[in-house]
């Protein structure tokens, strides 16, 4: 599992969330985003948005594909 702290001023809003879902959907395996005690599929924009990820939040990324987990973590760290 990879853990990142969200630096983006607006947190994970609709546009980057849609991009994250596209990246996750490219994988055949499971991809999960974790915030606190909630875990949701990164392949569902509605579930992802339900987490209400804000600037400063720490999120975890679990993926069957370690390379994909790294890609998603890099995306979340660099998003604006």
PDB file of N, CA and C in Angstrom:
ATOM      1  N   UNK A   1       0.846  -1.180   0.000  1.00  0.00           N
ATOM      2  CA  UNK A   1       0.000   0.000   0.000  1.00  0.00           C
ATOM      3  C   UNK A   1       0.890   1.240   0.000  1.00  0.00           C
ATOM      4  N   UNK A   2       0.511   2.211  -0.791  1.00  0.00           N
ATOM      5  CA  UNK A   2       1.197   3.504  -0.829  1.00  0.00           C
ATOM      6  C   UNK A   2       0.335   4.513  -0.086  1.00  0.00           C
ATOM      7  N   UNK A   3       0.965   5.443   0.603  1.00  0.00           N
ATOM      8  CA  UNK A   3       0.256   6.502   1.325  1.00  0.00           C
ATOM      9  C   UNK A   3       0.756   7.847   0.826  1.00  0.00           C
ATOM     10  N   UNK A   4      -0.180   8.767   0.577  1.00  0.00           N
ATOM     11  CA  UNK A   4       0.189  10.115   0.142  1.00  0.00           C
ATOM     12  C   UNK A   4      -0.631  11.136   0.917  1.00  0.00           C
ATOM     13  N   UNK A   5      -0.056  12.320   1.056  1.00  0.00           N
ATOM     14  CA  UNK A   5      -0.770  13.445   1.653  1.00  0.00           C
ATOM     15  C   UNK A   5      -1.148  14.387   0.514  1.00  0.00           C
ATOM     16  N   UNK A   6      -2.406  14.733   0.447  1.00  0.00           N
ATOM     17  CA  UNK A   6      -2.916  15.576  -0.641  1.00  0.00           C
ATOM     18  C   UNK A   6      -2.448  17.013  -0.435  1.00  0.00           C
ATOM     19  N   UNK A   7      -1.749  17.538  -1.436  1.00  0.00           N
ATOM     20  CA  UNK A   7      -1.228  18.901  -1.370  1.00  0.00           C
ATOM     21  C   UNK A   7      -2.097  19.899  -2.140  1.00  0.00           C
ATOM     22  N   UNK A   8      -2.899  19.416  -3.063  1.00  0.00           N
ATOM     23  CA  UNK A   8      -3.699  20.298  -3.919  1.00  0.00           C
ATOM     24  C   UNK A   8      -4.641  21.162  -3.082  1.00  0.00           C
ATOM     25  N   UNK A   9      -4.647  22.430  -3.382  1.00  0.00           N
ATOM     26  CA  UNK A   9      -5.458  23.405  -2.648  1.00  0.00           C
ATOM     27  C   UNK A   9      -6.938  23.015  -2.594  1.00  0.00           C
ATOM     28  N   UNK A  10      -7.451  22.489  -3.705  1.00  0.00           N
ATOM     29  CA  UNK A  10      -8.876  22.131  -3.773  1.00  0.00           C
ATOM     30  C   UNK A  10      -9.137  20.660  -3.487  1.00  0.00           C
ATOM     31  N   UNK A  11      -8.135  19.956  -3.017  1.00  0.00           N
ATOM     32  CA  UNK A  11      -8.318  18.540  -2.730  1.00  0.00           C
ATOM     33  C   UNK A  11      -8.580  17.759  -4.003  1.00  0.00           C
ATOM     34  N   UNK A  12      -9.237  16.636  -3.876  1.00  0.00           N
ATOM     35  CA  UNK A  12      -9.565  15.799  -5.029  1.00  0.00           C
ATOM     36  C   UNK A  12     -10.949  16.195  -5.523  1.00  0.00           C
ATOM     37  N   UNK A  13     -10.989  17.133  -6.460  1.00  0.00           N
ATOM     38  CA  UNK A  13     -12.270  17.568  -7.015  1.00  0.00           C
ATOM     39  C   UNK A  13     -12.564  16.779  -8.290  1.00  0.00           C
ATOM     40  N   UNK A  14     -13.656  17.094  -8.959  1.00  0.00           N
ATOM     41  CA  UNK A  14     -14.181  16.272 -10.054  1.00  0.00           C
ATOM     42  C   UNK A  14     -13.193  16.004 -11.187  1.00  0.00           C
ATOM     43  N   UNK A  15     -12.498  17.015 -11.654  1.00  0.00           N
ATOM     44  CA  UNK A  15     -11.617  16.820 -12.817  1.00  0.00           C
ATOM     45  C   UNK A  15     -10.475  15.839 -12.521  1.00  0.00           C
ATOM     46  N   UNK A  16      -9.699  16.050 -11.453  1.00  0.00           N
ATOM     47  CA  UNK A  16      -8.644  15.062 -11.184  1.00  0.00           C
ATOM     48  C   UNK A  16      -9.209  13.704 -10.755  1.00  0.00           C
ATOM     49  N   UNK A  17     -10.371  13.688 -10.137  1.00  0.00           N
ATOM     50  CA  UNK A  17     -10.980  12.411  -9.768  1.00  0.00           C
ATOM     51  C   UNK A  17     -11.309  11.607 -11.020  1.00  0.00           C
ATOM     52  N   UNK A  18     -11.816  12.277 -12.053  1.00  0.00           N
ATOM     53  CA  UNK A  18     -12.125  11.593 -13.311  1.00  0.00           C
ATOM     54  C   UNK A  18     -10.852  11.030 -13.942  1.00  0.00           C
ATOM     55  N   UNK A  19      -9.774  11.779 -13.875  1.00  0.00           N
ATOM     56  CA  UNK A  19      -8.499  11.312 -14.420  1.00  0.00           C
ATOM     57  C   UNK A  19      -7.982  10.111 -13.624  1.00  0.00           C
ATOM     58  N   UNK A  20      -8.129  10.160 -12.308  1.00  0.00           N
ATOM     59  CA  UNK A  20      -7.716   9.046 -11.460  1.00  0.00           C
ATOM     60  C   UNK A  20      -8.504   7.788 -11.803  1.00  0.00           C
ATOM     61  N   UNK A  21      -9.805   7.940 -12.017  1.00  0.00           N
ATOM     62  CA  UNK A  21     -10.651   6.801 -12.386  1.00  0.00           C
ATOM     63  C   UNK A  21     -10.192   6.213 -13.721  1.00  0.00           C
ATOM     64  N   UNK A  22      -9.851   7.075 -14.684  1.00  0.00           N
ATOM     65  CA  UNK A  22      -9.353   6.591 -15.987  1.00  0.00           C
ATOM     66  C   UNK A  22      -8.086   5.766 -15.808  1.00  0.00           C
ATOM     67  N   UNK A  23      -7.164   6.268 -14.997  1.00  0.00           N
ATOM     68  CA  UNK A  23      -5.919   5.548 -14.747  1.00  0.00           C
ATOM     69  C   UNK A  23      -6.196   4.196 -14.086  1.00  0.00           C
ATOM     70  N   UNK A  24      -7.073   4.195 -13.091  1.00  0.00           N
ATOM     71  CA  UNK A  24      -7.390   2.960 -12.361  1.00  0.00           C
ATOM     72  C   UNK A  24      -8.124   1.958 -13.251  1.00  0.00           C
ATOM     73  N   UNK A  25      -9.006   2.465 -14.117  1.00  0.00           N
ATOM     74  CA  UNK A  25      -9.803   1.586 -14.973  1.00  0.00           C
ATOM     75  C   UNK A  25      -8.950   0.858 -16.008  1.00  0.00           C
ATOM     76  N   UNK A  26      -7.762   1.361 -16.270  1.00  0.00           N
ATOM     77  CA  UNK A  26      -6.867   0.717 -17.230  1.00  0.00           C
ATOM     78  C   UNK A  26      -6.331  -0.613 -16.702  1.00  0.00           C
ATOM     79  N   UNK A  27      -6.476  -0.835 -15.413  1.00  0.00           N
ATOM     80  CA  UNK A  27      -5.998  -2.066 -14.787  1.00  0.00           C
ATOM     81  C   UNK A  27      -7.140  -3.067 -14.652  1.00  0.00           C
ATOM     82  N   UNK A  28      -6.834  -4.334 -14.850  1.00  0.00           N
ATOM     83  CA  UNK A  28      -7.845  -5.366 -14.678  1.00  0.00           C
ATOM     84  C   UNK A  28      -8.046  -5.727 -13.210  1.00  0.00           C
ATOM     85  N   UNK A  29      -7.063  -5.428 -12.375  1.00  0.00           N
ATOM     86  CA  UNK A  29      -7.128  -5.803 -10.964  1.00  0.00           C
ATOM     87  C   UNK A  29      -7.870  -4.791 -10.116  1.00  0.00           C
ATOM     88  N   UNK A  30      -7.948  -5.096  -8.833  1.00  0.00           N
ATOM     89  CA  UNK A  30      -8.599  -4.206  -7.876  1.00  0.00           C
ATOM     90  C   UNK A  30      -7.695  -3.021  -7.559  1.00  0.00           C
ATOM     91  N   UNK A  31      -8.327  -1.851  -7.418  1.00  0.00           N
ATOM     92  CA  UNK A  31      -7.632  -0.635  -7.022  1.00  0.00           C
ATOM     93  C   UNK A  31      -8.509   0.055  -5.994  1.00  0.00           C
ATOM     94  N   UNK A  32      -7.956   0.300  -4.811  1.00  0.00           N
ATOM     95  CA  UNK A  32      -8.731   0.856  -3.704  1.00  0.00           C
ATOM     96  C   UNK A  32      -8.057   2.115  -3.172  1.00  0.00           C
ATOM     97  N   UNK A  33      -8.893   3.117  -2.878  1.00  0.00           N
ATOM     98  CA  UNK A  33      -8.427   4.336  -2.217  1.00  0.00           C
ATOM     99  C   UNK A  33      -8.976   4.302  -0.790  1.00  0.00           C
ATOM    100  N   UNK A  34      -8.117   4.621   0.164  1.00  0.00           N
ATOM    101  CA  UNK A  34      -8.482   4.536   1.579  1.00  0.00           C
ATOM    102  C   UNK A  34      -8.306   5.904   2.224  1.00  0.00           C
ATOM    103  N   UNK A  35      -9.348   6.349   2.920  1.00  0.00           N
ATOM    104  CA  UNK A  35      -9.273   7.566   3.731  1.00  0.00           C
ATOM    105  C   UNK A  35      -9.894   7.228   5.081  1.00  0.00           C
ATOM    106  N   UNK A  36      -9.075   7.288   6.106  1.00  0.00           N
ATOM    107  CA  UNK A  36      -9.570   6.931   7.440  1.00  0.00           C
ATOM    108  C   UNK A  36      -9.997   5.477   7.456  1.00  0.00           C
ATOM    109  N   UNK A  37     -11.233   5.233   7.865  1.00  0.00           N
ATOM    110  CA  UNK A  37     -11.731   3.860   7.922  1.00  0.00           C
ATOM    111  C   UNK A  37     -12.575   3.493   6.705  1.00  0.00           C
ATOM    112  N   UNK A  38     -12.576   4.355   5.684  1.00  0.00           N
ATOM    113  CA  UNK A  38     -13.355   4.088   4.474  1.00  0.00           C
ATOM    114  C   UNK A  38     -12.447   3.637   3.344  1.00  0.00           C
ATOM    115  N   UNK A  39     -12.881   2.585   2.645  1.00  0.00           N
ATOM    116  CA  UNK A  39     -12.175   2.081   1.476  1.00  0.00           C
ATOM    117  C   UNK A  39     -13.154   2.034   0.322  1.00  0.00           C
ATOM    118  N   UNK A  40     -12.765   2.617  -0.830  1.00  0.00           N
ATOM    119  CA  UNK A  40     -13.642   2.598  -1.999  1.00  0.00           C
ATOM    120  C   UNK A  40     -12.836   2.216  -3.241  1.00  0.00           C
ATOM    121  N   UNK A  41     -13.546   1.738  -4.240  1.00  0.00           N
ATOM    122  CA  UNK A  41     -12.922   1.416  -5.513  1.00  0.00           C
ATOM    123  C   UNK A  41     -12.499   2.705  -6.212  1.00  0.00           C
ATOM    124  N   UNK A  42     -11.277   2.723  -6.715  1.00  0.00           N
ATOM    125  CA  UNK A  42     -10.792   3.873  -7.472  1.00  0.00           C
ATOM    126  C   UNK A  42     -11.360   3.877  -8.882  1.00  0.00           C
ATOM    127  N   UNK A  43     -12.135   2.868  -9.224  1.00  0.00           N
ATOM    128  CA  UNK A  43     -12.733   2.779 -10.551  1.00  0.00           C
ATOM    129  C   UNK A  43     -14.131   3.384 -10.598  1.00  0.00           C
ATOM    130  N   UNK A  44     -14.600   3.904  -9.468  1.00  0.00           N
ATOM    131  CA  UNK A  44     -15.925   4.515  -9.387  1.00  0.00           C
ATOM    132  C   UNK A  44     -15.802   5.972  -8.955  1.00  0.00           C
ATOM    133  N   UNK A  45     -16.136   6.894  -9.845  1.00  0.00           N
ATOM    134  CA  UNK A  45     -16.009   8.310  -9.504  1.00  0.00           C
ATOM    135  C   UNK A  45     -16.944   8.688  -8.367  1.00  0.00           C
ATOM    136  N   UNK A  46     -18.127   8.117  -8.336  1.00  0.00           N
ATOM    137  CA  UNK A  46     -19.079   8.456  -7.266  1.00  0.00           C
ATOM    138  C   UNK A  46     -18.541   8.015  -5.898  1.00  0.00           C
ATOM    139  N   UNK A  47     -18.018   6.820  -5.830  1.00  0.00           N
ATOM    140  CA  UNK A  47     -17.467   6.327  -4.563  1.00  0.00           C
ATOM    141  C   UNK A  47     -16.224   7.122  -4.172  1.00  0.00           C
ATOM    142  N   UNK A  48     -15.400   7.433  -5.160  1.00  0.00           N
ATOM    143  CA  UNK A  48     -14.196   8.209  -4.903  1.00  0.00           C
ATOM    144  C   UNK A  48     -14.547   9.591  -4.361  1.00  0.00           C
ATOM    145  N   UNK A  49     -15.507  10.260  -4.990  1.00  0.00           N
ATOM    146  CA  UNK A  49     -15.920  11.593  -4.558  1.00  0.00           C
ATOM    147  C   UNK A  49     -16.585  11.553  -3.175  1.00  0.00           C
ATOM    148  N   UNK A  50     -17.189  10.408  -2.828  1.00  0.00           N
ATOM    149  CA  UNK A  50     -17.859  10.296  -1.526  1.00  0.00           C
ATOM    150  C   UNK A  50     -16.876  10.385  -0.361  1.00  0.00           C
ATOM    151  N   UNK A  51     -15.585  10.195  -0.634  1.00  0.00           N
ATOM    152  CA  UNK A  51     -14.585  10.285   0.429  1.00  0.00           C
ATOM    153  C   UNK A  51     -14.334  11.724   0.871  1.00  0.00           C
ATOM    154  N   UNK A  52     -14.657  12.698   0.008  1.00  0.00           N
ATOM    155  CA  UNK A  52     -14.449  14.103   0.361  1.00  0.00           C
ATOM    156  C   UNK A  52     -12.984  14.406   0.677  1.00  0.00           C
ATOM    157  N   UNK A  53     -12.089  14.014  -0.205  1.00  0.00           N
ATOM    158  CA  UNK A  53     -10.651  14.170   0.030  1.00  0.00           C
ATOM    159  C   UNK A  53     -10.255  15.638  -0.118  1.00  0.00           C
ATOM    160  N   UNK A  54      -9.683  16.193   0.943  1.00  0.00           N
ATOM    161  CA  UNK A  54      -9.317  17.606   0.998  1.00  0.00           C
ATOM    162  C   UNK A  54      -7.803  17.772   1.121  1.00  0.00           C
ATOM    163  N   UNK A  55      -7.341  19.005   0.931  1.00  0.00           N
ATOM    164  CA  UNK A  55      -5.924  19.312   1.111  1.00  0.00           C
ATOM    165  C   UNK A  55      -5.507  18.912   2.528  1.00  0.00           C
ATOM    166  N   UNK A  56      -4.382  18.236   2.627  1.00  0.00           N
ATOM    167  CA  UNK A  56      -3.862  17.799   3.920  1.00  0.00           C
ATOM    168  C   UNK A  56      -4.297  16.408   4.335  1.00  0.00           C
ATOM    169  N   UNK A  57      -5.303  15.859   3.650  1.00  0.00           N
ATOM    170  CA  UNK A  57      -5.748  14.505   3.969  1.00  0.00           C
ATOM    171  C   UNK A  57      -4.702  13.487   3.541  1.00  0.00           C
ATOM    172  N   UNK A  58      -4.580  12.444   4.336  1.00  0.00           N
ATOM    173  CA  UNK A  58      -3.699  11.338   3.984  1.00  0.00           C
ATOM    174  C   UNK A  58      -4.568  10.219   3.432  1.00  0.00           C
ATOM    175  N   UNK A  59      -4.197   9.714   2.260  1.00  0.00           N
ATOM    176  CA  UNK A  59      -4.949   8.629   1.637  1.00  0.00           C
ATOM    177  C   UNK A  59      -4.010   7.478   1.310  1.00  0.00           C
ATOM    178  N   UNK A  60      -4.560   6.297   1.352  1.00  0.00           N
ATOM    179  CA  UNK A  60      -3.819   5.103   0.991  1.00  0.00           C
ATOM    180  C   UNK A  60      -4.279   4.594  -0.360  1.00  0.00           C
ATOM    181  N   UNK A  61      -3.377   3.932  -1.042  1.00  0.00           N
ATOM    182  CA  UNK A  61      -3.687   3.350  -2.347  1.00  0.00           C
ATOM    183  C   UNK A  61      -3.266   1.894  -2.308  1.00  0.00           C
ATOM    184  N   UNK A  62      -4.245   1.012  -2.548  1.00  0.00           N
ATOM    185  CA  UNK A  62      -3.956  -0.415  -2.650  1.00  0.00           C
ATOM    186  C   UNK A  62      -4.307  -0.845  -4.062  1.00  0.00           C
ATOM    187  N   UNK A  63      -3.401  -1.557  -4.700  1.00  0.00           N
ATOM    188  CA  UNK A  63      -3.663  -2.048  -6.046  1.00  0.00           C
ATOM    189  C   UNK A  63      -3.003  -3.401  -6.221  1.00  0.00           C
ATOM    190  N   UNK A  64      -3.647  -4.251  -7.015  1.00  0.00           N
ATOM    191  CA  UNK A  64      -3.054  -5.548  -7.333  1.00  0.00           C
ATOM    192  C   UNK A  64      -1.744  -5.365  -8.085  1.00  0.00           C
ATOM    193  N   UNK A  65      -1.641  -4.262  -8.825  1.00  0.00           N
ATOM    194  CA  UNK A  65      -0.463  -3.943  -9.630  1.00  0.00           C
ATOM    195  C   UNK A  65       0.333  -2.847  -8.908  1.00  0.00           C
ATOM    196  N   UNK A  66       1.505  -3.190  -8.378  1.00  0.00           N
ATOM    197  CA  UNK A  66       2.323  -2.233  -7.609  1.00  0.00           C
ATOM    198  C   UNK A  66       2.725  -1.026  -8.454  1.00  0.00           C
ATOM    199  N   UNK A  67       2.978  -1.250  -9.737  1.00  0.00           N
ATOM    200  CA  UNK A  67       3.349  -0.147 -10.623  1.00  0.00           C
ATOM    201  C   UNK A  67       2.197   0.851 -10.753  1.00  0.00           C
ATOM    202  N   UNK A  68       0.982   0.337 -10.839  1.00  0.00           N
ATOM    203  CA  UNK A  68      -0.192   1.213 -10.911  1.00  0.00           C
ATOM    204  C   UNK A  68      -0.347   1.997  -9.609  1.00  0.00           C
ATOM    205  N   UNK A  69      -0.119   1.361  -8.477  1.00  0.00           N
ATOM    206  CA  UNK A  69      -0.199   2.060  -7.189  1.00  0.00           C
ATOM    207  C   UNK A  69       0.786   3.222  -7.161  1.00  0.00           C
ATOM    208  N   UNK A  70       1.981   3.001  -7.672  1.00  0.00           N
ATOM    209  CA  UNK A  70       2.985   4.070  -7.740  1.00  0.00           C
ATOM    210  C   UNK A  70       2.530   5.190  -8.668  1.00  0.00           C
ATOM    211  N   UNK A  71       1.956   4.831  -9.817  1.00  0.00           N
ATOM    212  CA  UNK A  71       1.468   5.830 -10.776  1.00  0.00           C
ATOM    213  C   UNK A  71       0.371   6.680 -10.156  1.00  0.00           C
ATOM    214  N   UNK A  72      -0.569   6.041  -9.466  1.00  0.00           N
ATOM    215  CA  UNK A  72      -1.664   6.775  -8.834  1.00  0.00           C
ATOM    216  C   UNK A  72      -1.153   7.666  -7.702  1.00  0.00           C
ATOM    217  N   UNK A  73      -0.201   7.162  -6.937  1.00  0.00           N
ATOM    218  CA  UNK A  73       0.378   7.963  -5.852  1.00  0.00           C
ATOM    219  C   UNK A  73       1.076   9.199  -6.421  1.00  0.00           C
ATOM    220  N   UNK A  74       1.842   9.010  -7.488  1.00  0.00           N
ATOM    221  CA  UNK A  74       2.509  10.149  -8.134  1.00  0.00           C
ATOM    222  C   UNK A  74       1.484  11.157  -8.640  1.00  0.00           C
ATOM    223  N   UNK A  75       0.409  10.654  -9.238  1.00  0.00           N
ATOM    224  CA  UNK A  75      -0.650  11.533  -9.737  1.00  0.00           C
ATOM    225  C   UNK A  75      -1.250  12.366  -8.598  1.00  0.00           C
ATOM    226  N   UNK A  76      -1.580  11.713  -7.496  1.00  0.00           N
ATOM    227  CA  UNK A  76      -2.193  12.409  -6.366  1.00  0.00           C
ATOM    228  C   UNK A  76      -1.235  13.420  -5.743  1.00  0.00           C
ATOM    229  N   UNK A  77       0.036  13.081  -5.702  1.00  0.00           N
ATOM    230  CA  UNK A  77       1.019  14.004  -5.123  1.00  0.00           C
ATOM    231  C   UNK A  77       1.231  15.241  -5.974  1.00  0.00           C
ATOM    232  N   UNK A  78       1.097  15.102  -7.298  1.00  0.00           N
ATOM    233  CA  UNK A  78       1.383  16.194  -8.216  1.00  0.00           C
ATOM    234  C   UNK A  78       0.158  16.961  -8.679  1.00  0.00           C
ATOM    235  N   UNK A  79      -1.050  16.479  -8.365  1.00  0.00           N
ATOM    236  CA  UNK A  79      -2.253  17.150  -8.888  1.00  0.00           C
ATOM    237  C   UNK A  79      -2.396  18.542  -8.273  1.00  0.00           C
ATOM    238  N   UNK A  80      -3.001  19.414  -9.058  1.00  0.00           N
ATOM    239  CA  UNK A  80      -3.208  20.802  -8.609  1.00  0.00           C
ATOM    240  C   UNK A  80      -4.668  21.100  -8.481  1.00  0.00           C
TER     241      UNK A  80
END
